[in-house]
Amino acid sequence: MNKPRLPALSLIGALLLVTATTAHAQEQAATISYGTERLQNLDFWPAARKGPAPLVLFVHGGGWKRGSKDNATGRYKAAHYTAEGYAFASVDYRLVPEATVEQQAQDVADALAALLKRADSLGIARGKVVLMGHSAGAHLVALLGTDPQYLRKAGLSYADIRGVIPLDGAAYDVPGQMQEGPRVMGGTYRQAFGDDPARQRALSPTLQAAAPNAPAFLLLHVQRADGVRQAEALEAALRKAGTPVERQSVPGQGLRGHMQINRELGSPDYAATGVVDRWLAKVFA
């Protein structure tokens, strides 16, 4: 049976509502510096409600060497999460080769510390933060969630966050990915992680997942063989440590799916949006 069609005017109205909501969120973004370098800044959107709100902090991807907060937030994230009652921030960080992956992880921790120092004026609820990242950003937030040194150096701890959502990362076990991952990415991994096995292990969330860890994880991935394999291994390591973790596969194949999960998250029509919404409601309850 065919589904009833919305009248043309209703469709136009819906499109105008989405456009207006997105524009409203973009207008309310404030740029905040958390360091002295050019890329040590973030964009912040307040929640669309009164009172202290939980914070979703997003970290872009780009192979640790490219990307920015300006093109990673996508059409939907800021508007969707602020409408859901959350504050939202999108972070820039220094890039390889000018910076190391260790410095990138510290940048993310320092960005969070800068926001929490302004929690009262920004309307952020202390202790209610979720770190979310895509691709290389998924690796960075997973690293912060399994190695407490970065938060500690920023004056924070796992008591300051509620959870971590890595989106379709494939470098949670760096040595494993460098051996088994796509050859086309070999140069990117060598540039980011070098040739020292000890350093590669230290930068691997799966290999750092012995407790203590962040309070909870939601691992999302599309249908990429290496991404699925890496997410399954990280899930197993977290479970072994007694850390609450959920893993969810969403539709999407290969590189196209990898880009889609970042681009479409927050859209009401995208499968991962509801998964994240339900998980956030649970961890922020």
C-alpha atoms as a PDB file:
ATOM      1  CA  MET A   1       0.000   0.000   0.000  1.00  0.00           C
ATOM      2  CA  ASN A   2       1.363   3.403  -0.979  1.00  0.00           C
ATOM      3  CA  LYS A   3       2.074   5.815   1.839  1.00  0.00           C
ATOM      4  CA  PRO A   4       0.011   9.033   1.715  1.00  0.00           C
ATOM      5  CA  ARG A   5       1.931  11.950   0.344  1.00  0.00           C
ATOM      6  CA  LEU A   6       2.244  15.204   2.227  1.00  0.00           C
ATOM      7  CA  PRO A   7       0.798  18.169   0.379  1.00  0.00           C
ATOM      8  CA  ALA A   8       3.413  20.215  -1.457  1.00  0.00           C
ATOM      9  CA  LEU A   9       2.940  23.149   0.914  1.00  0.00           C
ATOM     10  CA  SER A  10       3.590  20.874   3.895  1.00  0.00           C
ATOM     11  CA  LEU A  11       6.826  19.663   2.336  1.00  0.00           C
ATOM     12  CA  ILE A  12       7.920  23.222   1.671  1.00  0.00           C
ATOM     13  CA  GLY A  13       7.035  24.177   5.238  1.00  0.00           C
ATOM     14  CA  ALA A  14       9.065  21.301   6.622  1.00  0.00           C
ATOM     15  CA  LEU A  15      12.077  22.294   4.531  1.00  0.00           C
ATOM     16  CA  LEU A  16      11.755  25.894   5.672  1.00  0.00           C
ATOM     17  CA  LEU A  17      11.574  24.750   9.300  1.00  0.00           C
ATOM     18  CA  VAL A  18      14.779  22.695   8.972  1.00  0.00           C
ATOM     19  CA  THR A  19      16.531  25.580   7.214  1.00  0.00           C
ATOM     20  CA  ALA A  20      15.386  28.077   9.833  1.00  0.00           C
ATOM     21  CA  THR A  21      16.410  25.815  12.711  1.00  0.00           C
ATOM     22  CA  THR A  22      19.857  25.262  11.189  1.00  0.00           C
ATOM     23  CA  ALA A  23      20.306  28.970  10.519  1.00  0.00           C
ATOM     24  CA  HIS A  24      19.242  29.795  14.066  1.00  0.00           C
ATOM     25  CA  ALA A  25      21.807  27.365  15.485  1.00  0.00           C
ATOM     26  CA  GLN A  26      24.541  28.753  13.226  1.00  0.00           C
ATOM     27  CA  GLU A  27      23.718  32.319  14.289  1.00  0.00           C
ATOM     28  CA  GLN A  28      24.117  31.419  17.955  1.00  0.00           C
ATOM     29  CA  ALA A  29      27.558  29.816  17.573  1.00  0.00           C
ATOM     30  CA  ALA A  30      30.335  31.496  19.571  1.00  0.00           C
ATOM     31  CA  THR A  31      34.011  30.893  18.818  1.00  0.00           C
ATOM     32  CA  ILE A  32      36.177  30.306  21.904  1.00  0.00           C
ATOM     33  CA  SER A  33      39.963  30.007  21.999  1.00  0.00           C
ATOM     34  CA  TYR A  34      41.470  27.440  24.346  1.00  0.00           C
ATOM     35  CA  GLY A  35      45.132  28.072  23.445  1.00  0.00           C
ATOM     36  CA  THR A  36      47.389  30.477  21.601  1.00  0.00           C
ATOM     37  CA  GLU A  37      47.801  28.530  18.338  1.00  0.00           C
ATOM     38  CA  ARG A  38      45.645  29.271  15.287  1.00  0.00           C
ATOM     39  CA  LEU A  39      43.765  25.971  15.431  1.00  0.00           C
ATOM     40  CA  GLN A  40      43.242  25.927  19.183  1.00  0.00           C
ATOM     41  CA  ASN A  41      39.655  27.134  19.089  1.00  0.00           C
ATOM     42  CA  LEU A  42      36.131  25.770  19.062  1.00  0.00           C
ATOM     43  CA  ASP A  43      32.590  26.746  18.146  1.00  0.00           C
ATOM     44  CA  PHE A  44      29.935  26.570  20.847  1.00  0.00           C
ATOM     45  CA  TRP A  45      26.139  26.507  20.555  1.00  0.00           C
ATOM     46  CA  PRO A  46      23.976  26.829  23.686  1.00  0.00           C
ATOM     47  CA  ALA A  47      21.066  24.498  24.273  1.00  0.00           C
ATOM     48  CA  ALA A  48      17.684  25.695  23.103  1.00  0.00           C
ATOM     49  CA  ARG A  49      16.335  25.701  26.663  1.00  0.00           C
ATOM     50  CA  LYS A  50      16.933  27.490  29.927  1.00  0.00           C
ATOM     51  CA  GLY A  51      19.180  26.253  32.691  1.00  0.00           C
ATOM     52  CA  PRO A  52      22.366  24.163  32.762  1.00  0.00           C
ATOM     53  CA  ALA A  53      22.398  21.651  29.893  1.00  0.00           C
ATOM     54  CA  PRO A  54      24.477  18.553  29.128  1.00  0.00           C
ATOM     55  CA  LEU A  55      27.241  19.097  26.564  1.00  0.00           C
ATOM     56  CA  VAL A  56      28.035  17.120  23.415  1.00  0.00           C
ATOM     57  CA  LEU A  57      31.579  17.925  22.284  1.00  0.00           C
ATOM     58  CA  PHE A  58      32.377  16.904  18.700  1.00  0.00           C
ATOM     59  CA  VAL A  59      35.857  16.184  17.257  1.00  0.00           C
ATOM     60  CA  HIS A  60      36.321  16.177  13.483  1.00  0.00           C
ATOM     61  CA  GLY A  61      38.179  13.610  11.403  1.00  0.00           C
ATOM     62  CA  GLY A  62      40.583  13.987   8.501  1.00  0.00           C
ATOM     63  CA  GLY A  63      43.374  11.469   8.974  1.00  0.00           C
ATOM     64  CA  TRP A  64      44.923  13.540  11.790  1.00  0.00           C
ATOM     65  CA  LYS A  65      46.351  15.849   9.092  1.00  0.00           C
ATOM     66  CA  ARG A  66      43.361  17.738   7.689  1.00  0.00           C
ATOM     67  CA  GLY A  67      39.759  18.684   8.405  1.00  0.00           C
ATOM     68  CA  SER A  68      38.230  21.394  10.563  1.00  0.00           C
ATOM     69  CA  LYS A  69      35.355  22.213  12.861  1.00  0.00           C
ATOM     70  CA  ASP A  70      33.860  24.367  10.102  1.00  0.00           C
ATOM     71  CA  ASN A  71      33.118  21.550   7.670  1.00  0.00           C
ATOM     72  CA  ALA A  72      32.716  18.653  10.103  1.00  0.00           C
ATOM     73  CA  THR A  73      29.602  19.705  11.998  1.00  0.00           C
ATOM     74  CA  GLY A  74      27.454  19.103   8.919  1.00  0.00           C
ATOM     75  CA  ARG A  75      23.938  20.291   8.226  1.00  0.00           C
ATOM     76  CA  TYR A  76      22.277  18.687  11.202  1.00  0.00           C
ATOM     77  CA  LYS A  77      24.378  18.185  14.332  1.00  0.00           C
ATOM     78  CA  ALA A  78      24.323  21.607  15.973  1.00  0.00           C
ATOM     79  CA  ALA A  79      20.651  22.238  15.220  1.00  0.00           C
ATOM     80  CA  HIS A  80      19.572  18.754  16.265  1.00  0.00           C
ATOM     81  CA  TYR A  81      21.452  18.467  19.531  1.00  0.00           C
ATOM     82  CA  THR A  82      20.655  21.982  20.721  1.00  0.00           C
ATOM     83  CA  ALA A  83      16.977  21.365  19.936  1.00  0.00           C
ATOM     84  CA  GLU A  84      17.210  18.153  21.979  1.00  0.00           C
ATOM     85  CA  GLY A  85      18.267  20.225  24.984  1.00  0.00           C
ATOM     86  CA  TYR A  86      22.034  19.803  24.797  1.00  0.00           C
ATOM     87  CA  ALA A  87      24.781  22.351  24.412  1.00  0.00           C
ATOM     88  CA  PHE A  88      27.007  21.497  21.436  1.00  0.00           C
ATOM     89  CA  ALA A  89      30.630  22.288  20.635  1.00  0.00           C
ATOM     90  CA  SER A  90      32.817  21.495  17.624  1.00  0.00           C
ATOM     91  CA  VAL A  91      36.572  21.527  18.213  1.00  0.00           C
ATOM     92  CA  ASP A  92      39.534  22.400  16.031  1.00  0.00           C
ATOM     93  CA  TYR A  93      42.914  20.942  16.990  1.00  0.00           C
ATOM     94  CA  ARG A  94      46.450  21.221  15.686  1.00  0.00           C
ATOM     95  CA  LEU A  95      47.241  18.935  12.762  1.00  0.00           C
ATOM     96  CA  VAL A  96      49.983  16.485  11.846  1.00  0.00           C
ATOM     97  CA  PRO A  97      52.840  16.990  10.964  1.00  0.00           C
ATOM     98  CA  GLU A  98      53.066  20.329  12.803  1.00  0.00           C
ATOM     99  CA  ALA A  99      51.626  18.636  15.891  1.00  0.00           C
ATOM    100  CA  THR A 100      51.706  15.092  17.215  1.00  0.00           C
ATOM    101  CA  VAL A 101      48.724  12.853  17.879  1.00  0.00           C
ATOM    102  CA  GLU A 102      49.537  13.182  21.586  1.00  0.00           C
ATOM    103  CA  GLN A 103      49.217  16.967  21.256  1.00  0.00           C
ATOM    104  CA  GLN A 104      45.943  16.564  19.379  1.00  0.00           C
ATOM    105  CA  ALA A 105      44.481  14.483  22.194  1.00  0.00           C
ATOM    106  CA  GLN A 106      45.669  17.097  24.672  1.00  0.00           C
ATOM    107  CA  ASP A 107      44.076  19.829  22.563  1.00  0.00           C
ATOM    108  CA  VAL A 108      40.704  18.097  22.844  1.00  0.00           C
ATOM    109  CA  ALA A 109      41.088  17.754  26.607  1.00  0.00           C
ATOM    110  CA  ASP A 110      42.155  21.391  26.908  1.00  0.00           C
ATOM    111  CA  ALA A 111      39.182  22.479  24.801  1.00  0.00           C
ATOM    112  CA  LEU A 112      36.837  20.683  27.169  1.00  0.00           C
ATOM    113  CA  ALA A 113      38.564  22.254  30.172  1.00  0.00           C
ATOM    114  CA  ALA A 114      38.117  25.711  28.643  1.00  0.00           C
ATOM    115  CA  LEU A 115      34.388  25.090  28.220  1.00  0.00           C
ATOM    116  CA  LEU A 116      33.946  23.756  31.740  1.00  0.00           C
ATOM    117  CA  LYS A 117      35.756  26.765  33.185  1.00  0.00           C
ATOM    118  CA  ARG A 118      32.987  28.822  31.563  1.00  0.00           C
ATOM    119  CA  ALA A 119      30.248  26.347  32.473  1.00  0.00           C
ATOM    120  CA  ASP A 120      28.142  28.802  34.458  1.00  0.00           C
ATOM    121  CA  SER A 121      28.173  31.550  31.850  1.00  0.00           C
ATOM    122  CA  LEU A 122      27.680  29.109  28.959  1.00  0.00           C
ATOM    123  CA  GLY A 123      24.890  27.149  30.627  1.00  0.00           C
ATOM    124  CA  ILE A 124      26.740  23.803  30.741  1.00  0.00           C
ATOM    125  CA  ALA A 125      25.803  21.226  33.367  1.00  0.00           C
ATOM    126  CA  ARG A 126      28.978  20.116  35.129  1.00  0.00           C
ATOM    127  CA  GLY A 127      29.658  16.392  35.028  1.00  0.00           C
ATOM    128  CA  LYS A 128      27.355  15.890  32.047  1.00  0.00           C
ATOM    129  CA  VAL A 129      29.606  15.759  28.966  1.00  0.00           C
ATOM    130  CA  VAL A 130      29.764  13.281  26.105  1.00  0.00           C
ATOM    131  CA  LEU A 131      32.732  13.260  23.733  1.00  0.00           C
ATOM    132  CA  MET A 132      31.831  12.396  20.136  1.00  0.00           C
ATOM    133  CA  GLY A 133      34.253  12.100  17.216  1.00  0.00           C
ATOM    134  CA  HIS A 134      34.331  10.847  13.636  1.00  0.00           C
ATOM    135  CA  SER A 135      37.150   8.868  11.965  1.00  0.00           C
ATOM    136  CA  ALA A 136      40.434  10.286  13.313  1.00  0.00           C
ATOM    137  CA  GLY A 137      38.254  12.194  15.771  1.00  0.00           C
ATOM    138  CA  ALA A 138      36.741   8.860  16.826  1.00  0.00           C
ATOM    139  CA  HIS A 139      40.251   7.649  17.628  1.00  0.00           C
ATOM    140  CA  LEU A 140      41.009  10.804  19.639  1.00  0.00           C
ATOM    141  CA  VAL A 141      37.868  10.671  21.782  1.00  0.00           C
ATOM    142  CA  ALA A 142      38.353   6.935  22.341  1.00  0.00           C
ATOM    143  CA  LEU A 143      41.937   7.640  23.421  1.00  0.00           C
ATOM    144  CA  LEU A 144      40.749  10.249  25.922  1.00  0.00           C
ATOM    145  CA  GLY A 145      38.193   7.730  27.159  1.00  0.00           C
ATOM    146  CA  THR A 146      40.769   4.992  27.790  1.00  0.00           C
ATOM    147  CA  ASP A 147      43.904   6.913  28.810  1.00  0.00           C
ATOM    148  CA  PRO A 148      43.191   9.380  31.633  1.00  0.00           C
ATOM    149  CA  GLN A 149      46.485  11.282  31.329  1.00  0.00           C
ATOM    150  CA  TYR A 150      45.105  13.786  28.804  1.00  0.00           C
ATOM    151  CA  LEU A 151      42.145  14.821  30.933  1.00  0.00           C
ATOM    152  CA  ARG A 152      44.348  14.820  34.024  1.00  0.00           C
ATOM    153  CA  LYS A 153      46.831  17.245  32.413  1.00  0.00           C
ATOM    154  CA  ALA A 154      43.870  19.528  31.647  1.00  0.00           C
ATOM    155  CA  GLY A 155      42.787  19.446  35.295  1.00  0.00           C
ATOM    156  CA  LEU A 156      39.894  17.054  34.596  1.00  0.00           C
ATOM    157  CA  SER A 157      39.006  13.435  35.262  1.00  0.00           C
ATOM    158  CA  TYR A 158      36.474  10.834  34.191  1.00  0.00           C
ATOM    159  CA  ALA A 159      34.117  12.309  36.784  1.00  0.00           C
ATOM    160  CA  ASP A 160      33.734  15.256  34.375  1.00  0.00           C
ATOM    161  CA  ILE A 161      32.299  13.167  31.533  1.00  0.00           C
ATOM    162  CA  ARG A 162      29.439  10.703  31.123  1.00  0.00           C
ATOM    163  CA  GLY A 163      30.539   8.883  27.984  1.00  0.00           C
ATOM    164  CA  VAL A 164      32.236   8.634  24.610  1.00  0.00           C
ATOM    165  CA  ILE A 165      30.766   8.090  21.124  1.00  0.00           C
ATOM    166  CA  PRO A 166      33.348   7.141  18.477  1.00  0.00           C
ATOM    167  CA  LEU A 167      31.846   7.259  14.966  1.00  0.00           C
ATOM    168  CA  ASP A 168      33.293   4.769  12.469  1.00  0.00           C
ATOM    169  CA  GLY A 169      36.892   4.861  13.610  1.00  0.00           C
ATOM    170  CA  ALA A 170      39.408   2.305  12.320  1.00  0.00           C
ATOM    171  CA  ALA A 171      42.534   2.967  14.384  1.00  0.00           C
ATOM    172  CA  TYR A 172      41.606   1.893  17.892  1.00  0.00           C
ATOM    173  CA  ASP A 173      44.384  -0.724  17.662  1.00  0.00           C
ATOM    174  CA  VAL A 174      47.070   1.220  15.806  1.00  0.00           C
ATOM    175  CA  PRO A 175      49.615  -1.591  15.235  1.00  0.00           C
ATOM    176  CA  GLY A 176      46.843  -3.923  14.098  1.00  0.00           C
ATOM    177  CA  GLN A 177      45.435  -1.376  11.670  1.00  0.00           C
ATOM    178  CA  MET A 178      48.857  -0.549  10.271  1.00  0.00           C
ATOM    179  CA  GLN A 179      49.392  -4.248   9.553  1.00  0.00           C
ATOM    180  CA  GLU A 180      45.919  -5.218   8.388  1.00  0.00           C
ATOM    181  CA  GLY A 181      44.256  -2.011   7.189  1.00  0.00           C
ATOM    182  CA  PRO A 182      43.979  -0.673   3.629  1.00  0.00           C
ATOM    183  CA  ARG A 183      47.373  -0.109   2.026  1.00  0.00           C
ATOM    184  CA  VAL A 184      46.209   3.242   0.681  1.00  0.00           C
ATOM    185  CA  MET A 185      46.152   4.517   4.267  1.00  0.00           C
ATOM    186  CA  GLY A 186      49.644   3.291   5.113  1.00  0.00           C
ATOM    187  CA  GLY A 187      51.333   6.661   4.614  1.00  0.00           C
ATOM    188  CA  THR A 188      48.716   8.425   6.729  1.00  0.00           C
ATOM    189  CA  TYR A 189      49.203   6.006   9.622  1.00  0.00           C
ATOM    190  CA  ARG A 190      52.996   6.182   9.444  1.00  0.00           C
ATOM    191  CA  GLN A 191      52.885   9.978   9.429  1.00  0.00           C
ATOM    192  CA  ALA A 192      50.563  10.053  12.441  1.00  0.00           C
ATOM    193  CA  PHE A 193      51.928   7.176  14.533  1.00  0.00           C
ATOM    194  CA  GLY A 194      55.502   6.641  13.368  1.00  0.00           C
ATOM    195  CA  ASP A 195      57.447   3.386  13.527  1.00  0.00           C
ATOM    196  CA  ASP A 196      57.931   2.954  17.278  1.00  0.00           C
ATOM    197  CA  PRO A 197      55.793  -0.026  18.427  1.00  0.00           C
ATOM    198  CA  ALA A 198      55.663   1.274  22.007  1.00  0.00           C
ATOM    199  CA  ARG A 199      54.283   4.632  20.852  1.00  0.00           C
ATOM    200  CA  GLN A 200      51.767   2.921  18.584  1.00  0.00           C
ATOM    201  CA  ARG A 201      50.515   0.830  21.500  1.00  0.00           C
ATOM    202  CA  ALA A 202      50.335   3.871  23.788  1.00  0.00           C
ATOM    203  CA  LEU A 203      48.111   5.609  21.229  1.00  0.00           C
ATOM    204  CA  SER A 204      45.784   2.613  20.806  1.00  0.00           C
ATOM    205  CA  PRO A 205      42.503   2.881  22.756  1.00  0.00           C
ATOM    206  CA  THR A 206      41.946  -0.882  22.529  1.00  0.00           C
ATOM    207  CA  LEU A 207      45.341  -1.542  24.082  1.00  0.00           C
ATOM    208  CA  GLN A 208      44.771   1.125  26.758  1.00  0.00           C
ATOM    209  CA  ALA A 209      41.289  -0.072  27.712  1.00  0.00           C
ATOM    210  CA  ALA A 210      42.153  -1.605  31.073  1.00  0.00           C
ATOM    211  CA  ALA A 211      40.333   0.338  33.802  1.00  0.00           C
ATOM    212  CA  PRO A 212      39.974   3.172  34.553  1.00  0.00           C
ATOM    213  CA  ASN A 213      37.980   4.272  31.528  1.00  0.00           C
ATOM    214  CA  ALA A 214      35.257   6.779  30.763  1.00  0.00           C
ATOM    215  CA  PRO A 215      31.939   5.734  32.339  1.00  0.00           C
ATOM    216  CA  ALA A 216      30.292   4.451  29.120  1.00  0.00           C
ATOM    217  CA  PHE A 217      30.886   4.019  25.386  1.00  0.00           C
ATOM    218  CA  LEU A 218      28.671   3.863  22.307  1.00  0.00           C
ATOM    219  CA  LEU A 219      30.608   2.498  19.319  1.00  0.00           C
ATOM    220  CA  LEU A 220      28.933   3.193  15.966  1.00  0.00           C
ATOM    221  CA  HIS A 221      30.197   1.905  12.645  1.00  0.00           C
ATOM    222  CA  VAL A 222      29.098   1.346   9.062  1.00  0.00           C
ATOM    223  CA  GLN A 223      29.975  -1.627   6.861  1.00  0.00           C
ATOM    224  CA  ARG A 224      33.732  -1.240   6.448  1.00  0.00           C
ATOM    225  CA  ALA A 225      35.677  -4.422   7.166  1.00  0.00           C
ATOM    226  CA  ASP A 226      38.473  -2.704   9.092  1.00  0.00           C
ATOM    227  CA  GLY A 227      36.095  -0.405  10.960  1.00  0.00           C
ATOM    228  CA  VAL A 228      33.909  -3.336  12.032  1.00  0.00           C
ATOM    229  CA  ARG A 229      36.939  -5.376  13.116  1.00  0.00           C
ATOM    230  CA  GLN A 230      38.399  -2.502  15.106  1.00  0.00           C
ATOM    231  CA  ALA A 231      35.099  -1.645  16.810  1.00  0.00           C
ATOM    232  CA  GLU A 232      34.533  -5.270  17.794  1.00  0.00           C
ATOM    233  CA  ALA A 233      38.011  -5.480  19.334  1.00  0.00           C
ATOM    234  CA  LEU A 234      37.550  -2.237  21.273  1.00  0.00           C
ATOM    235  CA  GLU A 235      34.175  -3.441  22.528  1.00  0.00           C
ATOM    236  CA  ALA A 236      35.752  -6.682  23.756  1.00  0.00           C
ATOM    237  CA  ALA A 237      38.577  -4.835  25.532  1.00  0.00           C
ATOM    238  CA  LEU A 238      36.145  -2.471  27.248  1.00  0.00           C
ATOM    239  CA  ARG A 239      33.903  -5.318  28.364  1.00  0.00           C
ATOM    240  CA  LYS A 240      36.924  -7.153  29.773  1.00  0.00           C
ATOM    241  CA  ALA A 241      37.697  -4.029  31.829  1.00  0.00           C
ATOM    242  CA  GLY A 242      34.108  -3.885  33.121  1.00  0.00           C
ATOM    243  CA  THR A 243      33.318  -0.691  31.221  1.00  0.00           C
ATOM    244  CA  PRO A 244      29.710  -0.348  29.976  1.00  0.00           C
ATOM    245  CA  VAL A 245      29.767  -0.378  26.180  1.00  0.00           C
ATOM    246  CA  GLU A 246      27.240  -0.681  23.384  1.00  0.00           C
ATOM    247  CA  ARG A 247      28.157  -1.309  19.764  1.00  0.00           C
ATOM    248  CA  GLN A 248      25.753  -0.581  16.933  1.00  0.00           C
ATOM    249  CA  SER A 249      26.115  -1.235  13.216  1.00  0.00           C
ATOM    250  CA  VAL A 250      24.330   1.218  10.912  1.00  0.00           C
ATOM    251  CA  PRO A 251      23.687   1.003   7.158  1.00  0.00           C
ATOM    252  CA  GLY A 252      26.315   2.288   4.778  1.00  0.00           C
ATOM    253  CA  GLN A 253      29.068   0.715   2.731  1.00  0.00           C
ATOM    254  CA  GLY A 254      32.765   1.553   2.539  1.00  0.00           C
ATOM    255  CA  LEU A 255      33.988   5.105   2.191  1.00  0.00           C
ATOM    256  CA  ARG A 256      30.565   6.403   1.197  1.00  0.00           C
ATOM    257  CA  GLY A 257      29.045   5.075   4.405  1.00  0.00           C
ATOM    258  CA  HIS A 258      32.019   6.378   6.369  1.00  0.00           C
ATOM    259  CA  MET A 259      31.332   9.893   5.126  1.00  0.00           C
ATOM    260  CA  GLN A 260      27.561   9.530   5.476  1.00  0.00           C
ATOM    261  CA  ILE A 261      27.632   8.798   9.213  1.00  0.00           C
ATOM    262  CA  ASN A 262      29.330  12.140   9.773  1.00  0.00           C
ATOM    263  CA  ARG A 263      27.309  14.093   7.238  1.00  0.00           C
ATOM    264  CA  GLU A 264      23.860  12.729   8.127  1.00  0.00           C
ATOM    265  CA  LEU A 265      24.043  12.299  11.894  1.00  0.00           C
ATOM    266  CA  GLY A 266      21.333  14.490  13.388  1.00  0.00           C
ATOM    267  CA  SER A 267      18.980  14.066  10.457  1.00  0.00           C
ATOM    268  CA  PRO A 268      15.690  12.518  11.608  1.00  0.00           C
ATOM    269  CA  ASP A 269      15.806  10.241   8.556  1.00  0.00           C
ATOM    270  CA  TYR A 270      19.233   8.766   9.327  1.00  0.00           C
ATOM    271  CA  ALA A 271      19.352   5.486  11.254  1.00  0.00           C
ATOM    272  CA  ALA A 272      22.171   6.458  13.635  1.00  0.00           C
ATOM    273  CA  THR A 273      20.383   9.601  14.861  1.00  0.00           C
ATOM    274  CA  GLY A 274      17.800   7.720  16.905  1.00  0.00           C
ATOM    275  CA  VAL A 275      20.445   5.338  18.258  1.00  0.00           C
ATOM    276  CA  VAL A 276      22.513   8.256  19.558  1.00  0.00           C
ATOM    277  CA  ASP A 277      19.473  10.116  20.889  1.00  0.00           C
ATOM    278  CA  ARG A 278      18.329   7.158  22.961  1.00  0.00           C
ATOM    279  CA  TRP A 279      21.823   6.548  24.326  1.00  0.00           C
ATOM    280  CA  LEU A 280      22.323  10.205  25.245  1.00  0.00           C
ATOM    281  CA  ALA A 281      18.975  10.305  27.047  1.00  0.00           C
ATOM    282  CA  LYS A 282      20.042   7.274  29.057  1.00  0.00           C
ATOM    283  CA  VAL A 283      23.541   8.440  30.053  1.00  0.00           C
ATOM    284  CA  PHE A 284      22.366  11.970  30.852  1.00  0.00           C
ATOM    285  CA  ALA A 285      19.369  10.801  32.909  1.00  0.00           C
END
